[in-house]
Amino acid sequence: MSGSGNDFIIIDNRDKIVDETRLTQLIIGACRRKMAVGADGLILIEYSDKADFKWRFFNKDGSIAEMCGNGARCTARFAFLNQIAGNRMAFETVAGIVSAALNDDLVKIKMTDPLDFKPDYTILLADETLVISSINTGVPHVVIPVDDIETIDVVTQGRMIRYHQEFAPAGTNVNFISLLENGAAGIRTYERGVEDETLACGTGSVAGAIVLAHTFQKSSPVKIMTRSGSELRIYFEILDGIYKNTYLEGDARVIYQGELWDEAWR
């Protein structure tokens, strides 16, 4: 499935069809582009005693991620199409319970409340002092407003910030945002765990929208144009200076369904 260009392998694992002893091998193998399915991450849907179901989300390198906004939207539509849940649902993640509502292939999810918002501070990057903001929208993000995102070397600069001592040992995701003439904002994201630029990042877009609201007084909803060309909408409330009731809305498309052969990932 693809959520605004962020793509995922989703498996109904309620009957424990995945061999846990080879799970990491499966994730890394199946997520290889051109050699297997190819994806930014892999999601297992399993039973929950707290919600309609729970997920386990893995980055393509096999590491566990607490939350992924685009993955959550794809998972919600998958669950609805496979009669695991209705068109309104809640599911369990490491970051907390996430709720979702569907309107055809448009999915709106309620994110966990953002944490640790730290706007406008400096870090030393090589020989340059860089002004950044950081926030946790389910996973940690750095956001940097720039004049022109087309000229940014996202991979080189993103990787330097991702591994910066300020964010050790877990590291951070890195987003570059720029205001567009149509009132939306463009975004480019270096994703931790993928270790590359991705076509979209839901939690990164939420982080970017909050920084835009703080820096440029953008009001809800904020439109974010992803690298894939798909638009995400971020809704939020500001209560006593704290961002709450945050929602992420965008498309979640089924690309194909099928049977994965062992030779695809071994």
C-alpha atoms as a PDB file:
ATOM      1  CA  MET A   1       0.000   0.000   0.000  1.00  0.00           C
ATOM      2  CA  SER A   2       1.026   3.604  -0.534  1.00  0.00           C
ATOM      3  CA  GLY A   3       0.210   6.559   1.691  1.00  0.00           C
ATOM      4  CA  SER A   4       1.080   9.654  -0.339  1.00  0.00           C
ATOM      5  CA  GLY A   5       4.134   7.869  -1.719  1.00  0.00           C
ATOM      6  CA  ASN A   6       5.245   6.282   1.554  1.00  0.00           C
ATOM      7  CA  ASP A   7       4.917   2.568   0.771  1.00  0.00           C
ATOM      8  CA  PHE A   8       4.444  -0.420   3.050  1.00  0.00           C
ATOM      9  CA  ILE A   9       4.056  -4.181   3.060  1.00  0.00           C
ATOM     10  CA  ILE A  10       1.080  -5.026   5.304  1.00  0.00           C
ATOM     11  CA  ILE A  11       0.468  -8.559   6.588  1.00  0.00           C
ATOM     12  CA  ASP A  12      -2.540  -9.879   8.520  1.00  0.00           C
ATOM     13  CA  ASN A  13      -0.662 -11.746  11.241  1.00  0.00           C
ATOM     14  CA  ARG A  14      -3.587 -12.445  13.572  1.00  0.00           C
ATOM     15  CA  ASP A  15      -3.077 -16.178  13.037  1.00  0.00           C
ATOM     16  CA  LYS A  16       0.717 -15.843  13.566  1.00  0.00           C
ATOM     17  CA  ILE A  17       1.623 -16.833  10.007  1.00  0.00           C
ATOM     18  CA  VAL A  18       4.957 -14.996  10.221  1.00  0.00           C
ATOM     19  CA  ASP A  19       7.871 -16.978  11.632  1.00  0.00           C
ATOM     20  CA  GLU A  20       9.229 -14.820  14.474  1.00  0.00           C
ATOM     21  CA  THR A  21      12.668 -16.440  14.272  1.00  0.00           C
ATOM     22  CA  ARG A  22      13.062 -15.123  10.704  1.00  0.00           C
ATOM     23  CA  LEU A  23      11.146 -11.866  11.076  1.00  0.00           C
ATOM     24  CA  THR A  24      14.115  -9.512  10.724  1.00  0.00           C
ATOM     25  CA  GLN A  25      15.338 -11.445   7.697  1.00  0.00           C
ATOM     26  CA  LEU A  26      11.847 -11.185   6.167  1.00  0.00           C
ATOM     27  CA  ILE A  27      11.619  -7.424   6.756  1.00  0.00           C
ATOM     28  CA  ILE A  28      15.031  -6.569   5.340  1.00  0.00           C
ATOM     29  CA  GLY A  29      14.688  -9.009   2.452  1.00  0.00           C
ATOM     30  CA  ALA A  30      11.144  -8.118   1.395  1.00  0.00           C
ATOM     31  CA  CYS A  31      11.715  -4.353   1.640  1.00  0.00           C
ATOM     32  CA  ARG A  32      14.638  -4.389  -0.835  1.00  0.00           C
ATOM     33  CA  ARG A  33      13.729  -2.460  -3.946  1.00  0.00           C
ATOM     34  CA  LYS A  34      14.158  -4.221  -7.311  1.00  0.00           C
ATOM     35  CA  MET A  35      15.213  -7.453  -5.547  1.00  0.00           C
ATOM     36  CA  ALA A  36      11.894  -8.087  -3.770  1.00  0.00           C
ATOM     37  CA  VAL A  37       8.643  -6.228  -3.074  1.00  0.00           C
ATOM     38  CA  GLY A  38      10.392  -3.027  -2.077  1.00  0.00           C
ATOM     39  CA  ALA A  39       8.968  -0.789   0.657  1.00  0.00           C
ATOM     40  CA  ASP A  40       9.766   1.850   3.264  1.00  0.00           C
ATOM     41  CA  GLY A  41       8.538  -0.454   6.011  1.00  0.00           C
ATOM     42  CA  LEU A  42       6.603  -3.568   6.989  1.00  0.00           C
ATOM     43  CA  ILE A  43       3.501  -3.731   9.200  1.00  0.00           C
ATOM     44  CA  LEU A  44       2.022  -6.723  11.032  1.00  0.00           C
ATOM     45  CA  ILE A  45      -1.623  -6.599  12.140  1.00  0.00           C
ATOM     46  CA  GLU A  46      -2.322  -8.639  15.267  1.00  0.00           C
ATOM     47  CA  TYR A  47      -4.976  -9.134  17.945  1.00  0.00           C
ATOM     48  CA  SER A  48      -5.378  -6.581  20.741  1.00  0.00           C
ATOM     49  CA  ASP A  49      -7.291  -6.647  24.015  1.00  0.00           C
ATOM     50  CA  LYS A  50      -7.310  -2.822  24.115  1.00  0.00           C
ATOM     51  CA  ALA A  51      -8.539  -1.828  20.644  1.00  0.00           C
ATOM     52  CA  ASP A  52      -9.838  -3.231  17.341  1.00  0.00           C
ATOM     53  CA  PHE A  53      -6.341  -4.594  16.649  1.00  0.00           C
ATOM     54  CA  LYS A  54      -2.713  -3.736  17.206  1.00  0.00           C
ATOM     55  CA  TRP A  55       0.144  -3.218  14.797  1.00  0.00           C
ATOM     56  CA  ARG A  56       3.834  -3.858  14.891  1.00  0.00           C
ATOM     57  CA  PHE A  57       5.632  -1.416  12.612  1.00  0.00           C
ATOM     58  CA  PHE A  58       9.149  -1.989  11.319  1.00  0.00           C
ATOM     59  CA  ASN A  59      11.426   0.238   9.281  1.00  0.00           C
ATOM     60  CA  LYS A  60      13.029  -1.354   6.231  1.00  0.00           C
ATOM     61  CA  ASP A  61      16.237  -1.991   8.201  1.00  0.00           C
ATOM     62  CA  GLY A  62      14.300  -4.150  10.678  1.00  0.00           C
ATOM     63  CA  SER A  63      14.211  -1.574  13.479  1.00  0.00           C
ATOM     64  CA  ILE A  64      10.989  -0.897  15.375  1.00  0.00           C
ATOM     65  CA  ALA A  65       9.305   2.495  14.970  1.00  0.00           C
ATOM     66  CA  GLU A  66       6.895   3.797  17.582  1.00  0.00           C
ATOM     67  CA  MET A  67       4.613   5.516  15.078  1.00  0.00           C
ATOM     68  CA  CYS A  68       4.192   6.259  11.366  1.00  0.00           C
ATOM     69  CA  GLY A  69       1.367   8.515  10.195  1.00  0.00           C
ATOM     70  CA  ASN A  70       1.234   7.328   6.591  1.00  0.00           C
ATOM     71  CA  GLY A  71       1.596   3.716   7.689  1.00  0.00           C
ATOM     72  CA  ALA A  72      -1.273   4.212  10.121  1.00  0.00           C
ATOM     73  CA  ARG A  73      -3.549   5.502   7.361  1.00  0.00           C
ATOM     74  CA  CYS A  74      -2.683   2.542   5.121  1.00  0.00           C
ATOM     75  CA  THR A  75      -3.188   0.114   7.994  1.00  0.00           C
ATOM     76  CA  ALA A  76      -6.612   1.567   8.751  1.00  0.00           C
ATOM     77  CA  ARG A  77      -7.796   1.110   5.175  1.00  0.00           C
ATOM     78  CA  PHE A  78      -6.324  -2.402   5.033  1.00  0.00           C
ATOM     79  CA  ALA A  79      -8.213  -3.315   8.223  1.00  0.00           C
ATOM     80  CA  PHE A  80     -11.469  -1.956   6.814  1.00  0.00           C
ATOM     81  CA  LEU A  81     -11.098  -3.711   3.442  1.00  0.00           C
ATOM     82  CA  ASN A  82     -10.329  -7.007   5.164  1.00  0.00           C
ATOM     83  CA  GLN A  83     -13.229  -6.669   7.643  1.00  0.00           C
ATOM     84  CA  ILE A  84     -10.909  -6.466  10.628  1.00  0.00           C
ATOM     85  CA  ALA A  85     -12.550  -3.187  11.686  1.00  0.00           C
ATOM     86  CA  GLY A  86     -15.306  -0.811  10.597  1.00  0.00           C
ATOM     87  CA  ASN A  87     -14.855   2.548   8.899  1.00  0.00           C
ATOM     88  CA  ARG A  88     -14.180   4.056  12.314  1.00  0.00           C
ATOM     89  CA  MET A  89     -11.609   2.237  14.384  1.00  0.00           C
ATOM     90  CA  ALA A  90      -8.900   2.400  17.002  1.00  0.00           C
ATOM     91  CA  PHE A  91      -5.690   0.424  17.040  1.00  0.00           C
ATOM     92  CA  GLU A  92      -2.777  -0.090  19.364  1.00  0.00           C
ATOM     93  CA  THR A  93       0.725   1.217  18.580  1.00  0.00           C
ATOM     94  CA  VAL A  94       3.879   1.617  20.658  1.00  0.00           C
ATOM     95  CA  ALA A  95       3.130   5.360  20.795  1.00  0.00           C
ATOM     96  CA  GLY A  96      -0.420   4.792  22.087  1.00  0.00           C
ATOM     97  CA  ILE A  97      -3.924   4.178  20.752  1.00  0.00           C
ATOM     98  CA  VAL A  98      -4.546   5.677  17.301  1.00  0.00           C
ATOM     99  CA  SER A  99      -8.066   6.275  15.973  1.00  0.00           C
ATOM    100  CA  ALA A 100      -9.025   6.478  12.298  1.00  0.00           C
ATOM    101  CA  ALA A 101     -12.002   7.359  10.095  1.00  0.00           C
ATOM    102  CA  LEU A 102     -12.339   6.419   6.418  1.00  0.00           C
ATOM    103  CA  ASN A 103     -14.027   8.049   3.450  1.00  0.00           C
ATOM    104  CA  ASP A 104     -13.214   5.734   0.537  1.00  0.00           C
ATOM    105  CA  ASP A 105      -9.423   5.955   0.062  1.00  0.00           C
ATOM    106  CA  LEU A 106      -9.180   9.141   2.155  1.00  0.00           C
ATOM    107  CA  VAL A 107      -8.171   8.343   5.727  1.00  0.00           C
ATOM    108  CA  LYS A 108      -8.037  10.710   8.691  1.00  0.00           C
ATOM    109  CA  ILE A 109      -6.224   9.578  11.811  1.00  0.00           C
ATOM    110  CA  LYS A 110      -5.977  11.136  15.246  1.00  0.00           C
ATOM    111  CA  MET A 111      -2.329  11.302  16.168  1.00  0.00           C
ATOM    112  CA  THR A 112      -0.941  11.015  19.667  1.00  0.00           C
ATOM    113  CA  ASP A 113      -0.408  14.445  21.225  1.00  0.00           C
ATOM    114  CA  PRO A 114       2.942  16.010  20.270  1.00  0.00           C
ATOM    115  CA  LEU A 115       5.624  16.064  22.956  1.00  0.00           C
ATOM    116  CA  ASP A 116       8.854  17.890  23.692  1.00  0.00           C
ATOM    117  CA  PHE A 117       8.336  20.827  21.330  1.00  0.00           C
ATOM    118  CA  LYS A 118      11.549  22.838  21.361  1.00  0.00           C
ATOM    119  CA  PRO A 119      11.434  25.706  18.840  1.00  0.00           C
ATOM    120  CA  ASP A 120      14.209  27.804  17.389  1.00  0.00           C
ATOM    121  CA  TYR A 121      17.487  26.641  18.899  1.00  0.00           C
ATOM    122  CA  THR A 122      20.923  26.143  17.395  1.00  0.00           C
ATOM    123  CA  ILE A 123      23.189  23.177  16.797  1.00  0.00           C
ATOM    124  CA  LEU A 124      26.659  23.119  15.312  1.00  0.00           C
ATOM    125  CA  LEU A 125      26.773  21.182  12.049  1.00  0.00           C
ATOM    126  CA  ALA A 126      30.271  20.852  10.589  1.00  0.00           C
ATOM    127  CA  ASP A 127      31.415  24.511  10.598  1.00  0.00           C
ATOM    128  CA  GLU A 128      27.884  25.930  10.397  1.00  0.00           C
ATOM    129  CA  THR A 129      25.469  27.021  13.121  1.00  0.00           C
ATOM    130  CA  LEU A 130      21.998  25.834  12.192  1.00  0.00           C
ATOM    131  CA  VAL A 131      18.688  27.058  13.641  1.00  0.00           C
ATOM    132  CA  ILE A 132      16.283  24.153  14.087  1.00  0.00           C
ATOM    133  CA  SER A 133      13.121  23.132  15.927  1.00  0.00           C
ATOM    134  CA  SER A 134      12.445  19.668  17.306  1.00  0.00           C
ATOM    135  CA  ILE A 135       9.297  17.830  18.367  1.00  0.00           C
ATOM    136  CA  ASN A 136       8.069  14.301  18.956  1.00  0.00           C
ATOM    137  CA  THR A 137       4.911  13.526  16.966  1.00  0.00           C
ATOM    138  CA  GLY A 138       5.034   9.812  17.781  1.00  0.00           C
ATOM    139  CA  VAL A 139       8.678   9.652  16.747  1.00  0.00           C
ATOM    140  CA  PRO A 140      11.334  12.404  17.052  1.00  0.00           C
ATOM    141  CA  HIS A 141      11.627  15.017  14.311  1.00  0.00           C
ATOM    142  CA  VAL A 142      13.791  18.018  13.525  1.00  0.00           C
ATOM    143  CA  VAL A 143      12.202  20.711  11.327  1.00  0.00           C
ATOM    144  CA  ILE A 144      14.153  23.363   9.430  1.00  0.00           C
ATOM    145  CA  PRO A 145      12.357  26.117   7.466  1.00  0.00           C
ATOM    146  CA  VAL A 146      14.253  26.946   4.258  1.00  0.00           C
ATOM    147  CA  ASP A 147      13.726  29.366   1.382  1.00  0.00           C
ATOM    148  CA  ASP A 148      13.950  26.715  -1.343  1.00  0.00           C
ATOM    149  CA  ILE A 149      13.705  23.000  -0.608  1.00  0.00           C
ATOM    150  CA  GLU A 150      14.714  22.153  -4.180  1.00  0.00           C
ATOM    151  CA  THR A 151      18.310  23.182  -3.477  1.00  0.00           C
ATOM    152  CA  ILE A 152      18.701  21.236  -0.219  1.00  0.00           C
ATOM    153  CA  ASP A 153      20.930  18.159  -0.173  1.00  0.00           C
ATOM    154  CA  VAL A 154      18.416  16.220   1.923  1.00  0.00           C
ATOM    155  CA  VAL A 155      20.411  13.004   2.257  1.00  0.00           C
ATOM    156  CA  THR A 156      23.776  14.547   3.175  1.00  0.00           C
ATOM    157  CA  GLN A 157      22.475  17.210   5.535  1.00  0.00           C
ATOM    158  CA  GLY A 158      19.674  15.035   6.863  1.00  0.00           C
ATOM    159  CA  ARG A 159      22.062  12.223   7.726  1.00  0.00           C
ATOM    160  CA  MET A 160      24.420  14.597   9.582  1.00  0.00           C
ATOM    161  CA  ILE A 161      21.553  15.865  11.734  1.00  0.00           C
ATOM    162  CA  ARG A 162      20.040  12.402  12.160  1.00  0.00           C
ATOM    163  CA  TYR A 163      23.282  11.190  13.792  1.00  0.00           C
ATOM    164  CA  HIS A 164      24.112  14.465  15.597  1.00  0.00           C
ATOM    165  CA  GLN A 165      25.176  14.102  19.226  1.00  0.00           C
ATOM    166  CA  GLU A 166      22.253  16.322  20.254  1.00  0.00           C
ATOM    167  CA  PHE A 167      19.890  13.447  19.380  1.00  0.00           C
ATOM    168  CA  ALA A 168      22.015  10.479  20.446  1.00  0.00           C
ATOM    169  CA  PRO A 169      21.614   7.634  20.916  1.00  0.00           C
ATOM    170  CA  ALA A 170      18.258   7.086  19.167  1.00  0.00           C
ATOM    171  CA  GLY A 171      18.724   9.734  16.452  1.00  0.00           C
ATOM    172  CA  THR A 172      16.006  11.745  14.770  1.00  0.00           C
ATOM    173  CA  ASN A 173      14.095  12.219  11.531  1.00  0.00           C
ATOM    174  CA  VAL A 174      14.851  15.438   9.646  1.00  0.00           C
ATOM    175  CA  ASN A 175      12.443  17.657   7.684  1.00  0.00           C
ATOM    176  CA  PHE A 176      13.001  20.686   5.467  1.00  0.00           C
ATOM    177  CA  ILE A 177       9.932  22.866   4.846  1.00  0.00           C
ATOM    178  CA  SER A 178       9.271  25.831   2.607  1.00  0.00           C
ATOM    179  CA  LEU A 179       6.187  28.003   2.076  1.00  0.00           C
ATOM    180  CA  LEU A 180       4.646  27.762  -1.409  1.00  0.00           C
ATOM    181  CA  GLU A 181       2.799  30.423  -3.377  1.00  0.00           C
ATOM    182  CA  ASN A 182      -0.552  28.595  -3.109  1.00  0.00           C
ATOM    183  CA  GLY A 183      -0.567  28.805   0.678  1.00  0.00           C
ATOM    184  CA  ALA A 184       0.573  25.224   1.214  1.00  0.00           C
ATOM    185  CA  ALA A 185       4.052  24.181   2.318  1.00  0.00           C
ATOM    186  CA  GLY A 186       6.470  21.862   0.583  1.00  0.00           C
ATOM    187  CA  ILE A 187       8.347  19.312   2.641  1.00  0.00           C
ATOM    188  CA  ARG A 188      11.256  16.929   2.162  1.00  0.00           C
ATOM    189  CA  THR A 189      12.145  14.327   4.766  1.00  0.00           C
ATOM    190  CA  TYR A 190      15.144  12.189   5.677  1.00  0.00           C
ATOM    191  CA  GLU A 191      13.720   9.205   7.556  1.00  0.00           C
ATOM    192  CA  ARG A 192      15.538   7.406  10.326  1.00  0.00           C
ATOM    193  CA  GLY A 193      15.405   3.636   9.738  1.00  0.00           C
ATOM    194  CA  VAL A 194      14.961   4.087   6.000  1.00  0.00           C
ATOM    195  CA  GLU A 195      18.195   6.137   6.017  1.00  0.00           C
ATOM    196  CA  ASP A 196      17.204   8.018   2.899  1.00  0.00           C
ATOM    197  CA  GLU A 197      14.756  10.616   1.632  1.00  0.00           C
ATOM    198  CA  THR A 198      11.214   9.273   1.321  1.00  0.00           C
ATOM    199  CA  LEU A 199       8.377  10.546  -0.854  1.00  0.00           C
ATOM    200  CA  ALA A 200       6.277  11.358   2.208  1.00  0.00           C
ATOM    201  CA  CYS A 201       6.329  11.169   5.993  1.00  0.00           C
ATOM    202  CA  GLY A 202       3.140  11.583   8.006  1.00  0.00           C
ATOM    203  CA  THR A 203       4.665  12.270  11.418  1.00  0.00           C
ATOM    204  CA  GLY A 204       7.163  14.581   9.707  1.00  0.00           C
ATOM    205  CA  SER A 205       4.351  16.502   8.019  1.00  0.00           C
ATOM    206  CA  VAL A 206       2.626  16.929  11.389  1.00  0.00           C
ATOM    207  CA  ALA A 207       5.897  18.178  12.871  1.00  0.00           C
ATOM    208  CA  GLY A 208       6.314  20.558   9.941  1.00  0.00           C
ATOM    209  CA  ALA A 209       2.781  21.914  10.309  1.00  0.00           C
ATOM    210  CA  ILE A 210       3.307  22.666  13.992  1.00  0.00           C
ATOM    211  CA  VAL A 211       6.558  24.497  13.288  1.00  0.00           C
ATOM    212  CA  LEU A 212       4.789  26.472  10.532  1.00  0.00           C
ATOM    213  CA  ALA A 213       2.010  27.384  12.976  1.00  0.00           C
ATOM    214  CA  HIS A 214       4.554  28.535  15.529  1.00  0.00           C
ATOM    215  CA  THR A 215       6.899  30.366  13.143  1.00  0.00           C
ATOM    216  CA  PHE A 216       4.525  31.767  10.513  1.00  0.00           C
ATOM    217  CA  GLN A 217       1.207  31.728  12.434  1.00  0.00           C
ATOM    218  CA  LYS A 218      -0.335  29.206  10.025  1.00  0.00           C
ATOM    219  CA  SER A 219      -3.797  28.157  11.194  1.00  0.00           C
ATOM    220  CA  SER A 220      -5.417  24.711  11.101  1.00  0.00           C
ATOM    221  CA  PRO A 221      -5.652  22.929   8.746  1.00  0.00           C
ATOM    222  CA  VAL A 222      -2.180  23.230   7.256  1.00  0.00           C
ATOM    223  CA  LYS A 223      -1.733  21.805   3.760  1.00  0.00           C
ATOM    224  CA  ILE A 224       1.548  19.960   3.204  1.00  0.00           C
ATOM    225  CA  MET A 225       2.694  19.024  -0.293  1.00  0.00           C
ATOM    226  CA  THR A 226       4.789  15.866  -0.178  1.00  0.00           C
ATOM    227  CA  ARG A 227       7.564  14.903  -2.550  1.00  0.00           C
ATOM    228  CA  SER A 228       5.219  12.462  -4.300  1.00  0.00           C
ATOM    229  CA  GLY A 229       2.896  15.331  -5.243  1.00  0.00           C
ATOM    230  CA  SER A 230       0.164  14.155  -2.854  1.00  0.00           C
ATOM    231  CA  GLU A 231      -1.318  16.601  -0.375  1.00  0.00           C
ATOM    232  CA  LEU A 232      -1.617  15.946   3.339  1.00  0.00           C
ATOM    233  CA  ARG A 233      -3.789  18.012   5.661  1.00  0.00           C
ATOM    234  CA  ILE A 234      -2.880  18.495   9.300  1.00  0.00           C
ATOM    235  CA  TYR A 235      -5.489  19.631  11.822  1.00  0.00           C
ATOM    236  CA  PHE A 236      -4.684  20.772  15.355  1.00  0.00           C
ATOM    237  CA  GLU A 237      -5.786  22.871  18.312  1.00  0.00           C
ATOM    238  CA  ILE A 238      -3.614  25.151  20.426  1.00  0.00           C
ATOM    239  CA  LEU A 239      -4.601  25.164  24.115  1.00  0.00           C
ATOM    240  CA  ASP A 240      -2.511  27.387  26.383  1.00  0.00           C
ATOM    241  CA  GLY A 241       0.325  27.233  23.907  1.00  0.00           C
ATOM    242  CA  ILE A 242       0.254  23.442  23.707  1.00  0.00           C
ATOM    243  CA  TYR A 243      -0.636  21.604  20.495  1.00  0.00           C
ATOM    244  CA  LYS A 244      -3.365  18.987  20.961  1.00  0.00           C
ATOM    245  CA  ASN A 245      -6.039  17.046  19.062  1.00  0.00           C
ATOM    246  CA  THR A 246      -3.802  16.589  16.058  1.00  0.00           C
ATOM    247  CA  TYR A 247      -5.153  14.838  12.961  1.00  0.00           C
ATOM    248  CA  LEU A 248      -3.492  13.716   9.739  1.00  0.00           C
ATOM    249  CA  GLU A 249      -5.571  13.277   6.572  1.00  0.00           C
ATOM    250  CA  GLY A 250      -4.577  11.963   3.161  1.00  0.00           C
ATOM    251  CA  ASP A 251      -4.865   9.132   0.665  1.00  0.00           C
ATOM    252  CA  ALA A 252      -4.134   5.461   1.382  1.00  0.00           C
ATOM    253  CA  ARG A 253      -4.025   3.396  -1.800  1.00  0.00           C
ATOM    254  CA  VAL A 254      -3.897  -0.333  -2.381  1.00  0.00           C
ATOM    255  CA  ILE A 255      -1.196  -1.151  -4.950  1.00  0.00           C
ATOM    256  CA  TYR A 256      -1.608  -4.918  -5.054  1.00  0.00           C
ATOM    257  CA  GLN A 257      -2.205  -8.018  -2.955  1.00  0.00           C
ATOM    258  CA  GLY A 258      -0.478 -11.329  -3.420  1.00  0.00           C
ATOM    259  CA  GLU A 259       1.601 -14.189  -2.082  1.00  0.00           C
ATOM    260  CA  LEU A 260       5.246 -13.631  -1.206  1.00  0.00           C
ATOM    261  CA  TRP A 261       7.583 -16.440  -2.229  1.00  0.00           C
ATOM    262  CA  ASP A 262      10.478 -17.393   0.048  1.00  0.00           C
ATOM    263  CA  GLU A 263      12.985 -16.753  -2.716  1.00  0.00           C
ATOM    264  CA  ALA A 264      11.894 -13.116  -2.844  1.00  0.00           C
ATOM    265  CA  TRP A 265      13.384 -12.361   0.557  1.00  0.00           C
ATOM    266  CA  ARG A 266      15.810 -15.126   1.522  1.00  0.00           C
END
